[in-house]
Amino acid sequence: MIALNARHFDAQLNLSGTLSRMGRPTEAAAACRAALDIDPRNAVAYHNLGQLYREQGQYEAALHALEQAVKADPGNAQYRINLRDTYRRTIPSWHFSMLNDQARNDAFERAIAKAAPGRRLVLDIGTGSGLLAMMAARAGAERVVACEANTPLAQVAARIIARNGYGDRITVVAKRSTQLAVGQDLPQPADLLISEILDAGLLGEGVIRSFRHACAALVTADAVIIPAGATVYGVLIECPELRRVNPIKAISGFDLGEFDIFRNPVAHGQITLAQEPHRVLSEPFEMAHFDFRHLPNEAAPRPLTSRSCGASWAPRWA
């Protein structure tokens, strides 16, 4: 049919479905786009295209297509479910527990309420939902530039900010902070820097790299930084049951050593001590302290020794 009439909508849509079932998603997406060239408002074609993009891990393109499907057919419950599921895949689930951490939220708000009044420009790195940027605006900052590397998340943050009435004072930029430039993304150097890009191991989200760049290129020499610094504490524990997978050797009588290539031996991982048999080997001790205003050029590993058991090792900082 397409050989006879390439502008036949049903033929292009059916071809897309056939190619998808054959495991050829790139070609299937191309046929779906050809169908939309013929009927640019067709909800089915947008939905199918969104699903194809999602299967290929192209979540931003999938979100755009699925949003168009919902717009074209707002009453279709399945389209809305698939759109929500695609949004879910764009951010880790820990964002929700972090937003629900009231002690964290209150601590940031206290610091921001003290520092933000009268500030000409606030830079919020990794704004996420826009929460800290709105705290700064509510506290009296004149302008806020909030950057977010995840484009779908940045778009949602902009909508949240507008819904809460701060769209005229907060600008969301869908970039990494290291891609920002004064005079382009920021009208002037910021006199307050706020950020919450701290992971469970403190440094895994690139806070050192981001703050070092921001202090050198994006903020004034006397800018206030929130948080101003951080201290990492450690305690040595023994978890005998984890020895089978650190490194991976024999499991149930089979040699699974090759599987160990998927384990990073120098990366931190999370375990729930309440569910893991363990023995504490030392008292808590300070491992490192970071002043985010005065960060070293390189965070080189350095050996630490615990007096409690005589153990020595070298932590690695990103």
C-alpha atoms as a PDB file:
ATOM      1  CA  MET A   1       0.000   0.000   0.000  1.00  0.00           C
ATOM      2  CA  ILE A   2       2.810   2.457   0.885  1.00  0.00           C
ATOM      3  CA  ALA A   3       4.512   1.676  -2.429  1.00  0.00           C
ATOM      4  CA  LEU A   4       1.335   2.821  -4.133  1.00  0.00           C
ATOM      5  CA  ASN A   5       0.549   5.719  -1.778  1.00  0.00           C
ATOM      6  CA  ALA A   6       3.162   6.853   0.774  1.00  0.00           C
ATOM      7  CA  ARG A   7       0.628   9.365   2.115  1.00  0.00           C
ATOM      8  CA  HIS A   8      -1.737   6.654   3.338  1.00  0.00           C
ATOM      9  CA  PHE A   9      -2.107   7.161   7.105  1.00  0.00           C
ATOM     10  CA  ASP A  10      -3.370   3.692   8.045  1.00  0.00           C
ATOM     11  CA  ALA A  11      -0.662   2.030   5.955  1.00  0.00           C
ATOM     12  CA  GLN A  12       2.097   3.973   7.733  1.00  0.00           C
ATOM     13  CA  LEU A  13       0.586   3.270  11.159  1.00  0.00           C
ATOM     14  CA  ASN A  14       0.204  -0.451  10.405  1.00  0.00           C
ATOM     15  CA  LEU A  15       3.761  -0.569   9.078  1.00  0.00           C
ATOM     16  CA  SER A  16       4.947   0.973  12.315  1.00  0.00           C
ATOM     17  CA  GLY A  17       3.164  -1.702  14.335  1.00  0.00           C
ATOM     18  CA  THR A  18       4.597  -4.488  12.184  1.00  0.00           C
ATOM     19  CA  LEU A  19       8.147  -3.152  12.445  1.00  0.00           C
ATOM     20  CA  SER A  20       7.748  -2.855  16.195  1.00  0.00           C
ATOM     21  CA  ARG A  21       6.658  -6.483  16.519  1.00  0.00           C
ATOM     22  CA  MET A  22       9.668  -7.467  14.379  1.00  0.00           C
ATOM     23  CA  GLY A  23      11.996  -5.812  16.889  1.00  0.00           C
ATOM     24  CA  ARG A  24      12.892  -2.856  14.684  1.00  0.00           C
ATOM     25  CA  PRO A  25      11.891   0.098  16.897  1.00  0.00           C
ATOM     26  CA  THR A  26      13.911   2.778  15.068  1.00  0.00           C
ATOM     27  CA  GLU A  27      12.205   2.011  11.758  1.00  0.00           C
ATOM     28  CA  ALA A  28       8.868   1.669  13.541  1.00  0.00           C
ATOM     29  CA  ALA A  29       9.272   5.166  14.996  1.00  0.00           C
ATOM     30  CA  ALA A  30      10.103   6.548  11.551  1.00  0.00           C
ATOM     31  CA  ALA A  31       6.891   5.057  10.124  1.00  0.00           C
ATOM     32  CA  CYS A  32       4.941   6.483  13.054  1.00  0.00           C
ATOM     33  CA  ARG A  33       6.389   9.945  12.369  1.00  0.00           C
ATOM     34  CA  ALA A  34       5.429   9.531   8.708  1.00  0.00           C
ATOM     35  CA  ALA A  35       1.856   8.817   9.828  1.00  0.00           C
ATOM     36  CA  LEU A  36       1.881  11.982  11.932  1.00  0.00           C
ATOM     37  CA  ASP A  37       3.097  13.989   8.944  1.00  0.00           C
ATOM     38  CA  ILE A  38      -0.155  12.932   7.292  1.00  0.00           C
ATOM     39  CA  ASP A  39      -2.381  13.433  10.364  1.00  0.00           C
ATOM     40  CA  PRO A  40      -0.517  15.646  12.849  1.00  0.00           C
ATOM     41  CA  ARG A  41      -3.292  15.499  15.457  1.00  0.00           C
ATOM     42  CA  ASN A  42      -3.780  11.749  15.666  1.00  0.00           C
ATOM     43  CA  ALA A  43      -3.713  10.588  19.282  1.00  0.00           C
ATOM     44  CA  VAL A  44      -3.064   6.914  18.458  1.00  0.00           C
ATOM     45  CA  ALA A  45       0.018   7.732  16.401  1.00  0.00           C
ATOM     46  CA  TYR A  46       1.400  10.015  19.120  1.00  0.00           C
ATOM     47  CA  HIS A  47       0.778   7.370  21.755  1.00  0.00           C
ATOM     48  CA  ASN A  48       2.448   4.630  19.711  1.00  0.00           C
ATOM     49  CA  LEU A  49       5.408   6.903  18.979  1.00  0.00           C
ATOM     50  CA  GLY A  50       5.757   7.707  22.670  1.00  0.00           C
ATOM     51  CA  GLN A  51       5.794   4.017  23.550  1.00  0.00           C
ATOM     52  CA  LEU A  52       8.463   3.347  20.923  1.00  0.00           C
ATOM     53  CA  TYR A  53      10.653   6.155  22.224  1.00  0.00           C
ATOM     54  CA  ARG A  54      10.218   4.904  25.780  1.00  0.00           C
ATOM     55  CA  GLU A  55      11.282   1.376  24.825  1.00  0.00           C
ATOM     56  CA  GLN A  56      14.498   2.879  23.433  1.00  0.00           C
ATOM     57  CA  GLY A  57      15.148   4.902  26.588  1.00  0.00           C
ATOM     58  CA  GLN A  58      14.492   8.238  24.836  1.00  0.00           C
ATOM     59  CA  TYR A  59      12.372   9.575  27.675  1.00  0.00           C
ATOM     60  CA  GLU A  60      12.277  13.259  26.732  1.00  0.00           C
ATOM     61  CA  ALA A  61      11.033  12.426  23.225  1.00  0.00           C
ATOM     62  CA  ALA A  62       8.602   9.896  24.723  1.00  0.00           C
ATOM     63  CA  LEU A  63       7.180  12.492  27.110  1.00  0.00           C
ATOM     64  CA  HIS A  64       6.626  14.987  24.302  1.00  0.00           C
ATOM     65  CA  ALA A  65       4.799  12.399  22.169  1.00  0.00           C
ATOM     66  CA  LEU A  66       2.672  11.102  25.049  1.00  0.00           C
ATOM     67  CA  GLU A  67       1.757  14.625  26.133  1.00  0.00           C
ATOM     68  CA  GLN A  68       0.534  15.264  22.588  1.00  0.00           C
ATOM     69  CA  ALA A  69      -1.500  12.036  22.743  1.00  0.00           C
ATOM     70  CA  VAL A  70      -3.167  13.147  25.987  1.00  0.00           C
ATOM     71  CA  LYS A  71      -3.784  16.590  24.541  1.00  0.00           C
ATOM     72  CA  ALA A  72      -5.438  15.070  21.465  1.00  0.00           C
ATOM     73  CA  ASP A  73      -7.507  12.578  23.494  1.00  0.00           C
ATOM     74  CA  PRO A  74      -7.732  13.846  27.102  1.00  0.00           C
ATOM     75  CA  GLY A  75     -10.335  11.268  28.066  1.00  0.00           C
ATOM     76  CA  ASN A  76      -8.120   8.263  27.337  1.00  0.00           C
ATOM     77  CA  ALA A  77      -7.082   6.826  30.709  1.00  0.00           C
ATOM     78  CA  GLN A  78      -4.397   4.533  29.256  1.00  0.00           C
ATOM     79  CA  TYR A  79      -2.619   7.452  27.622  1.00  0.00           C
ATOM     80  CA  ARG A  80      -2.510   9.261  30.959  1.00  0.00           C
ATOM     81  CA  ILE A  81      -1.222   6.177  32.767  1.00  0.00           C
ATOM     82  CA  ASN A  82       1.570   5.674  30.241  1.00  0.00           C
ATOM     83  CA  LEU A  83       2.490   9.360  30.436  1.00  0.00           C
ATOM     84  CA  ARG A  84       2.725   9.182  34.243  1.00  0.00           C
ATOM     85  CA  ASP A  85       4.764   5.972  34.041  1.00  0.00           C
ATOM     86  CA  THR A  86       7.209   7.645  31.649  1.00  0.00           C
ATOM     87  CA  TYR A  87       7.582  10.634  33.955  1.00  0.00           C
ATOM     88  CA  ARG A  88       8.288   8.152  36.767  1.00  0.00           C
ATOM     89  CA  ARG A  89      11.201   6.694  34.823  1.00  0.00           C
ATOM     90  CA  THR A  90      12.961  10.034  34.390  1.00  0.00           C
ATOM     91  CA  ILE A  91      13.880  10.523  38.078  1.00  0.00           C
ATOM     92  CA  PRO A  92      14.937   8.133  40.875  1.00  0.00           C
ATOM     93  CA  SER A  93      12.266   7.262  43.413  1.00  0.00           C
ATOM     94  CA  TRP A  94      14.295   8.743  46.290  1.00  0.00           C
ATOM     95  CA  HIS A  95      13.143  12.220  45.221  1.00  0.00           C
ATOM     96  CA  PHE A  96       9.843  11.540  46.979  1.00  0.00           C
ATOM     97  CA  SER A  97      11.346  10.467  50.301  1.00  0.00           C
ATOM     98  CA  MET A  98      13.701  13.457  50.113  1.00  0.00           C
ATOM     99  CA  LEU A  99      10.783  15.855  49.624  1.00  0.00           C
ATOM    100  CA  ASN A 100       9.074  14.183  52.575  1.00  0.00           C
ATOM    101  CA  ASP A 101      12.097  14.773  54.842  1.00  0.00           C
ATOM    102  CA  GLN A 102      10.649  17.618  56.901  1.00  0.00           C
ATOM    103  CA  ALA A 103      13.759  17.994  59.076  1.00  0.00           C
ATOM    104  CA  ARG A 104      15.811  18.558  55.922  1.00  0.00           C
ATOM    105  CA  ASN A 105      13.271  21.006  54.516  1.00  0.00           C
ATOM    106  CA  ASP A 106      13.087  22.972  57.765  1.00  0.00           C
ATOM    107  CA  ALA A 107      16.876  23.173  58.064  1.00  0.00           C
ATOM    108  CA  PHE A 108      17.207  24.564  54.540  1.00  0.00           C
ATOM    109  CA  GLU A 109      14.373  27.013  55.105  1.00  0.00           C
ATOM    110  CA  ARG A 110      15.912  28.354  58.305  1.00  0.00           C
ATOM    111  CA  ALA A 111      19.235  28.962  56.568  1.00  0.00           C
ATOM    112  CA  ILE A 112      17.614  30.451  53.460  1.00  0.00           C
ATOM    113  CA  ALA A 113      15.289  32.702  55.489  1.00  0.00           C
ATOM    114  CA  LYS A 114      18.328  34.140  57.235  1.00  0.00           C
ATOM    115  CA  ALA A 115      20.445  34.643  54.087  1.00  0.00           C
ATOM    116  CA  ALA A 116      18.001  35.465  51.274  1.00  0.00           C
ATOM    117  CA  PRO A 117      16.359  38.811  52.270  1.00  0.00           C
ATOM    118  CA  GLY A 118      17.708  41.614  50.085  1.00  0.00           C
ATOM    119  CA  ARG A 119      19.803  39.360  47.842  1.00  0.00           C
ATOM    120  CA  ARG A 120      19.907  40.600  44.258  1.00  0.00           C
ATOM    121  CA  LEU A 121      20.353  37.198  42.635  1.00  0.00           C
ATOM    122  CA  VAL A 122      20.211  33.655  43.996  1.00  0.00           C
ATOM    123  CA  LEU A 123      21.581  30.658  42.105  1.00  0.00           C
ATOM    124  CA  ASP A 124      19.919  27.324  42.931  1.00  0.00           C
ATOM    125  CA  ILE A 125      21.907  24.371  41.565  1.00  0.00           C
ATOM    126  CA  GLY A 126      19.922  21.190  40.906  1.00  0.00           C
ATOM    127  CA  THR A 127      16.553  22.716  41.693  1.00  0.00           C
ATOM    128  CA  GLY A 128      14.551  19.503  41.254  1.00  0.00           C
ATOM    129  CA  SER A 129      10.997  20.406  42.248  1.00  0.00           C
ATOM    130  CA  GLY A 130      11.939  24.095  42.680  1.00  0.00           C
ATOM    131  CA  LEU A 131      11.398  23.931  46.447  1.00  0.00           C
ATOM    132  CA  LEU A 132      14.579  25.710  47.570  1.00  0.00           C
ATOM    133  CA  ALA A 133      14.272  28.342  44.842  1.00  0.00           C
ATOM    134  CA  MET A 134      10.748  29.183  46.045  1.00  0.00           C
ATOM    135  CA  MET A 135      11.969  29.342  49.643  1.00  0.00           C
ATOM    136  CA  ALA A 136      14.536  31.939  48.559  1.00  0.00           C
ATOM    137  CA  ALA A 137      11.942  33.991  46.688  1.00  0.00           C
ATOM    138  CA  ARG A 138       9.498  33.803  49.580  1.00  0.00           C
ATOM    139  CA  ALA A 139      12.242  34.922  51.967  1.00  0.00           C
ATOM    140  CA  GLY A 140      12.818  38.108  49.973  1.00  0.00           C
ATOM    141  CA  ALA A 141      15.401  37.457  47.248  1.00  0.00           C
ATOM    142  CA  GLU A 142      14.862  39.760  44.258  1.00  0.00           C
ATOM    143  CA  ARG A 143      15.679  37.189  41.549  1.00  0.00           C
ATOM    144  CA  VAL A 144      16.439  33.465  41.456  1.00  0.00           C
ATOM    145  CA  VAL A 145      18.000  31.438  38.657  1.00  0.00           C
ATOM    146  CA  ALA A 146      17.369  27.728  39.211  1.00  0.00           C
ATOM    147  CA  CYS A 147      19.211  25.235  37.022  1.00  0.00           C
ATOM    148  CA  GLU A 148      18.260  21.597  36.508  1.00  0.00           C
ATOM    149  CA  ALA A 149      20.087  19.197  34.173  1.00  0.00           C
ATOM    150  CA  ASN A 150      17.071  16.870  33.788  1.00  0.00           C
ATOM    151  CA  THR A 151      14.958  18.620  31.128  1.00  0.00           C
ATOM    152  CA  PRO A 152      11.571  17.023  31.999  1.00  0.00           C
ATOM    153  CA  LEU A 153      12.205  17.801  35.665  1.00  0.00           C
ATOM    154  CA  ALA A 154      13.138  21.393  34.791  1.00  0.00           C
ATOM    155  CA  GLN A 155       9.888  21.785  32.849  1.00  0.00           C
ATOM    156  CA  VAL A 156       7.845  20.465  35.767  1.00  0.00           C
ATOM    157  CA  ALA A 157       9.730  22.736  38.184  1.00  0.00           C
ATOM    158  CA  ALA A 158       8.876  25.754  36.019  1.00  0.00           C
ATOM    159  CA  ARG A 159       5.193  24.810  36.131  1.00  0.00           C
ATOM    160  CA  ILE A 160       5.319  24.328  39.918  1.00  0.00           C
ATOM    161  CA  ILE A 161       6.985  27.716  40.355  1.00  0.00           C
ATOM    162  CA  ALA A 162       4.417  29.432  38.139  1.00  0.00           C
ATOM    163  CA  ARG A 163       1.529  27.730  39.968  1.00  0.00           C
ATOM    164  CA  ASN A 164       2.855  29.020  43.284  1.00  0.00           C
ATOM    165  CA  GLY A 165       3.060  32.589  41.983  1.00  0.00           C
ATOM    166  CA  TYR A 166       6.839  32.975  41.630  1.00  0.00           C
ATOM    167  CA  GLY A 167       7.164  32.706  37.854  1.00  0.00           C
ATOM    168  CA  ASP A 168       8.040  36.404  37.562  1.00  0.00           C
ATOM    169  CA  ARG A 169      11.004  36.125  39.980  1.00  0.00           C
ATOM    170  CA  ILE A 170      12.374  32.625  39.368  1.00  0.00           C
ATOM    171  CA  THR A 171      13.853  31.497  36.045  1.00  0.00           C
ATOM    172  CA  VAL A 172      14.442  27.781  35.478  1.00  0.00           C
ATOM    173  CA  VAL A 173      17.314  26.883  33.142  1.00  0.00           C
ATOM    174  CA  ALA A 174      17.501  23.306  31.846  1.00  0.00           C
ATOM    175  CA  LYS A 175      21.290  22.994  32.072  1.00  0.00           C
ATOM    176  CA  ARG A 176      23.994  21.725  34.371  1.00  0.00           C
ATOM    177  CA  SER A 177      25.462  24.482  36.505  1.00  0.00           C
ATOM    178  CA  THR A 178      28.844  23.925  34.852  1.00  0.00           C
ATOM    179  CA  GLN A 179      27.232  24.956  31.537  1.00  0.00           C
ATOM    180  CA  LEU A 180      25.919  28.276  32.868  1.00  0.00           C
ATOM    181  CA  ALA A 181      27.521  31.605  32.007  1.00  0.00           C
ATOM    182  CA  VAL A 182      27.138  35.063  33.529  1.00  0.00           C
ATOM    183  CA  GLY A 183      25.669  37.424  30.947  1.00  0.00           C
ATOM    184  CA  GLN A 184      23.898  34.566  29.229  1.00  0.00           C
ATOM    185  CA  ASP A 185      22.066  32.429  31.783  1.00  0.00           C
ATOM    186  CA  LEU A 186      22.624  34.739  34.761  1.00  0.00           C
ATOM    187  CA  PRO A 187      22.323  38.529  34.370  1.00  0.00           C
ATOM    188  CA  GLN A 188      25.099  39.009  36.949  1.00  0.00           C
ATOM    189  CA  PRO A 189      27.078  36.932  39.462  1.00  0.00           C
ATOM    190  CA  ALA A 190      24.833  35.560  42.201  1.00  0.00           C
ATOM    191  CA  ASP A 191      25.280  36.782  45.765  1.00  0.00           C
ATOM    192  CA  LEU A 192      23.672  33.665  47.273  1.00  0.00           C
ATOM    193  CA  LEU A 193      24.285  30.083  46.183  1.00  0.00           C
ATOM    194  CA  ILE A 194      21.966  27.326  47.375  1.00  0.00           C
ATOM    195  CA  SER A 195      21.990  23.691  46.381  1.00  0.00           C
ATOM    196  CA  GLU A 196      20.960  20.228  47.490  1.00  0.00           C
ATOM    197  CA  ILE A 197      22.973  17.880  45.312  1.00  0.00           C
ATOM    198  CA  LEU A 198      24.199  15.729  48.187  1.00  0.00           C
ATOM    199  CA  ASP A 199      23.700  11.979  47.954  1.00  0.00           C
ATOM    200  CA  ALA A 200      23.891   9.258  50.605  1.00  0.00           C
ATOM    201  CA  GLY A 201      27.696   9.280  50.313  1.00  0.00           C
ATOM    202  CA  LEU A 202      27.739  13.114  50.233  1.00  0.00           C
ATOM    203  CA  LEU A 203      29.739  13.643  47.042  1.00  0.00           C
ATOM    204  CA  GLY A 204      28.250  11.237  44.483  1.00  0.00           C
ATOM    205  CA  GLU A 205      26.193  13.854  42.637  1.00  0.00           C
ATOM    206  CA  GLY A 206      29.238  15.962  41.792  1.00  0.00           C
ATOM    207  CA  VAL A 207      28.906  18.618  44.486  1.00  0.00           C
ATOM    208  CA  ILE A 208      32.663  19.336  44.570  1.00  0.00           C
ATOM    209  CA  ARG A 209      32.871  19.902  40.821  1.00  0.00           C
ATOM    210  CA  SER A 210      29.695  22.000  40.791  1.00  0.00           C
ATOM    211  CA  PHE A 211      30.598  24.208  43.763  1.00  0.00           C
ATOM    212  CA  ARG A 212      34.192  24.686  42.607  1.00  0.00           C
ATOM    213  CA  HIS A 213      32.953  25.932  39.211  1.00  0.00           C
ATOM    214  CA  ALA A 214      30.196  28.084  40.705  1.00  0.00           C
ATOM    215  CA  CYS A 215      32.549  29.803  43.152  1.00  0.00           C
ATOM    216  CA  ALA A 216      35.018  30.530  40.368  1.00  0.00           C
ATOM    217  CA  ALA A 217      32.610  31.654  37.641  1.00  0.00           C
ATOM    218  CA  LEU A 218      29.028  32.222  38.799  1.00  0.00           C
ATOM    219  CA  VAL A 219      28.946  33.943  42.201  1.00  0.00           C
ATOM    220  CA  THR A 220      30.415  37.044  43.820  1.00  0.00           C
ATOM    221  CA  ALA A 221      33.515  36.813  46.003  1.00  0.00           C
ATOM    222  CA  ASP A 222      31.432  37.408  49.138  1.00  0.00           C
ATOM    223  CA  ALA A 223      28.451  35.238  48.172  1.00  0.00           C
ATOM    224  CA  VAL A 224      26.834  33.178  50.920  1.00  0.00           C
ATOM    225  CA  ILE A 225      26.776  29.438  50.233  1.00  0.00           C
ATOM    226  CA  ILE A 226      24.115  27.065  51.566  1.00  0.00           C
ATOM    227  CA  PRO A 227      25.182  24.535  52.684  1.00  0.00           C
ATOM    228  CA  ALA A 228      28.505  26.113  53.647  1.00  0.00           C
ATOM    229  CA  GLY A 229      30.216  22.782  54.228  1.00  0.00           C
ATOM    230  CA  ALA A 230      29.857  19.191  55.293  1.00  0.00           C
ATOM    231  CA  THR A 231      31.580  16.604  57.436  1.00  0.00           C
ATOM    232  CA  VAL A 232      31.660  12.883  56.694  1.00  0.00           C
ATOM    233  CA  TYR A 233      31.724  10.512  59.646  1.00  0.00           C
ATOM    234  CA  GLY A 234      32.382   6.800  59.483  1.00  0.00           C
ATOM    235  CA  VAL A 235      32.259   3.703  61.606  1.00  0.00           C
ATOM    236  CA  LEU A 236      33.758   0.317  60.782  1.00  0.00           C
ATOM    237  CA  ILE A 237      31.388  -2.634  60.710  1.00  0.00           C
ATOM    238  CA  GLU A 238      31.693  -6.287  59.777  1.00  0.00           C
ATOM    239  CA  CYS A 239      28.909  -7.971  57.763  1.00  0.00           C
ATOM    240  CA  PRO A 240      29.851 -11.662  57.439  1.00  0.00           C
ATOM    241  CA  GLU A 241      26.921 -12.527  55.156  1.00  0.00           C
ATOM    242  CA  LEU A 242      28.062  -9.982  52.545  1.00  0.00           C
ATOM    243  CA  ARG A 243      31.413 -11.695  52.058  1.00  0.00           C
ATOM    244  CA  ARG A 244      29.813 -14.004  49.490  1.00  0.00           C
ATOM    245  CA  VAL A 245      29.251 -11.061  47.149  1.00  0.00           C
ATOM    246  CA  ASN A 246      32.239  -8.839  48.046  1.00  0.00           C
ATOM    247  CA  PRO A 247      33.710 -10.101  45.754  1.00  0.00           C
ATOM    248  CA  ILE A 248      31.300 -12.543  44.150  1.00  0.00           C
ATOM    249  CA  LYS A 249      32.645 -16.084  44.165  1.00  0.00           C
ATOM    250  CA  ALA A 250      30.673 -19.305  44.615  1.00  0.00           C
ATOM    251  CA  ILE A 251      26.882 -19.127  44.935  1.00  0.00           C
ATOM    252  CA  SER A 252      24.842 -22.310  45.512  1.00  0.00           C
ATOM    253  CA  GLY A 253      27.783 -24.430  44.345  1.00  0.00           C
ATOM    254  CA  PHE A 254      28.366 -22.497  41.112  1.00  0.00           C
ATOM    255  CA  ASP A 255      31.319 -20.253  40.253  1.00  0.00           C
ATOM    256  CA  LEU A 256      29.743 -16.840  39.535  1.00  0.00           C
ATOM    257  CA  GLY A 257      33.032 -14.927  39.679  1.00  0.00           C
ATOM    258  CA  GLU A 258      32.564 -13.417  36.224  1.00  0.00           C
ATOM    259  CA  PHE A 259      29.473 -11.597  37.524  1.00  0.00           C
ATOM    260  CA  ASP A 260      31.726  -9.522  39.788  1.00  0.00           C
ATOM    261  CA  ILE A 261      32.549  -7.270  36.825  1.00  0.00           C
ATOM    262  CA  PHE A 262      29.242  -5.496  37.524  1.00  0.00           C
ATOM    263  CA  ARG A 263      30.359  -4.543  41.069  1.00  0.00           C
ATOM    264  CA  ASN A 264      32.415  -1.394  41.579  1.00  0.00           C
ATOM    265  CA  PRO A 265      34.766  -2.243  44.474  1.00  0.00           C
ATOM    266  CA  VAL A 266      35.474   1.418  45.344  1.00  0.00           C
ATOM    267  CA  ALA A 267      31.911   2.744  45.143  1.00  0.00           C
ATOM    268  CA  HIS A 268      29.707   3.070  48.208  1.00  0.00           C
ATOM    269  CA  GLY A 269      26.498   1.108  48.510  1.00  0.00           C
ATOM    270  CA  GLN A 270      23.577   1.236  50.898  1.00  0.00           C
ATOM    271  CA  ILE A 271      22.604  -1.522  53.300  1.00  0.00           C
ATOM    272  CA  THR A 272      19.953  -1.624  56.026  1.00  0.00           C
ATOM    273  CA  LEU A 273      21.769  -2.591  59.191  1.00  0.00           C
ATOM    274  CA  ALA A 274      18.519  -3.551  60.921  1.00  0.00           C
ATOM    275  CA  GLN A 275      18.166  -6.330  58.330  1.00  0.00           C
ATOM    276  CA  GLU A 276      21.840  -7.289  57.981  1.00  0.00           C
ATOM    277  CA  PRO A 277      23.740  -9.265  60.651  1.00  0.00           C
ATOM    278  CA  HIS A 278      26.737  -7.113  61.598  1.00  0.00           C
ATOM    279  CA  ARG A 279      29.309  -6.308  64.257  1.00  0.00           C
ATOM    280  CA  VAL A 280      30.511  -2.779  65.047  1.00  0.00           C
ATOM    281  CA  LEU A 281      34.318  -2.576  65.044  1.00  0.00           C
ATOM    282  CA  SER A 282      34.987   1.048  65.967  1.00  0.00           C
ATOM    283  CA  GLU A 283      33.596   4.214  67.446  1.00  0.00           C
ATOM    284  CA  PRO A 284      32.313   6.855  64.990  1.00  0.00           C
ATOM    285  CA  PHE A 285      35.143   9.028  63.669  1.00  0.00           C
ATOM    286  CA  GLU A 286      35.545  11.971  61.308  1.00  0.00           C
ATOM    287  CA  MET A 287      36.606  10.931  57.803  1.00  0.00           C
ATOM    288  CA  ALA A 288      36.658  14.272  55.981  1.00  0.00           C
ATOM    289  CA  HIS A 289      35.455  17.860  56.193  1.00  0.00           C
ATOM    290  CA  PHE A 290      34.616  20.070  53.219  1.00  0.00           C
ATOM    291  CA  ASP A 291      34.376  23.858  53.122  1.00  0.00           C
ATOM    292  CA  PHE A 292      32.348  24.410  49.951  1.00  0.00           C
ATOM    293  CA  ARG A 293      33.665  27.964  49.556  1.00  0.00           C
ATOM    294  CA  HIS A 294      37.322  26.860  49.620  1.00  0.00           C
ATOM    295  CA  LEU A 295      37.521  23.503  47.881  1.00  0.00           C
ATOM    296  CA  PRO A 296      40.889  22.046  46.862  1.00  0.00           C
ATOM    297  CA  ASN A 297      41.657  21.678  43.180  1.00  0.00           C
ATOM    298  CA  GLU A 298      41.803  17.932  43.573  1.00  0.00           C
ATOM    299  CA  ALA A 299      40.136  15.724  46.171  1.00  0.00           C
ATOM    300  CA  ALA A 300      42.873  13.095  46.305  1.00  0.00           C
ATOM    301  CA  PRO A 301      42.441   9.891  48.339  1.00  0.00           C
ATOM    302  CA  ARG A 302      44.161   9.963  51.719  1.00  0.00           C
ATOM    303  CA  PRO A 303      44.658   7.102  54.178  1.00  0.00           C
ATOM    304  CA  LEU A 304      42.721   7.008  57.437  1.00  0.00           C
ATOM    305  CA  THR A 305      43.394   4.831  60.442  1.00  0.00           C
ATOM    306  CA  SER A 306      40.842   3.769  63.029  1.00  0.00           C
ATOM    307  CA  ARG A 307      42.446   3.411  66.441  1.00  0.00           C
ATOM    308  CA  SER A 308      39.708   1.065  67.594  1.00  0.00           C
ATOM    309  CA  CYS A 309      40.858  -1.837  65.454  1.00  0.00           C
ATOM    310  CA  GLY A 310      44.021  -0.636  63.726  1.00  0.00           C
ATOM    311  CA  ALA A 311      42.485  -0.808  60.263  1.00  0.00           C
ATOM    312  CA  SER A 312      43.752   1.544  57.541  1.00  0.00           C
ATOM    313  CA  TRP A 313      42.226   2.384  54.165  1.00  0.00           C
ATOM    314  CA  ALA A 314      42.003   5.211  51.625  1.00  0.00           C
ATOM    315  CA  PRO A 315      38.522   6.650  50.875  1.00  0.00           C
ATOM    316  CA  ARG A 316      37.909   8.058  47.405  1.00  0.00           C
ATOM    317  CA  TRP A 317      36.154  11.367  46.808  1.00  0.00           C
ATOM    318  CA  ALA A 318      34.540  12.362  43.524  1.00  0.00           C
END
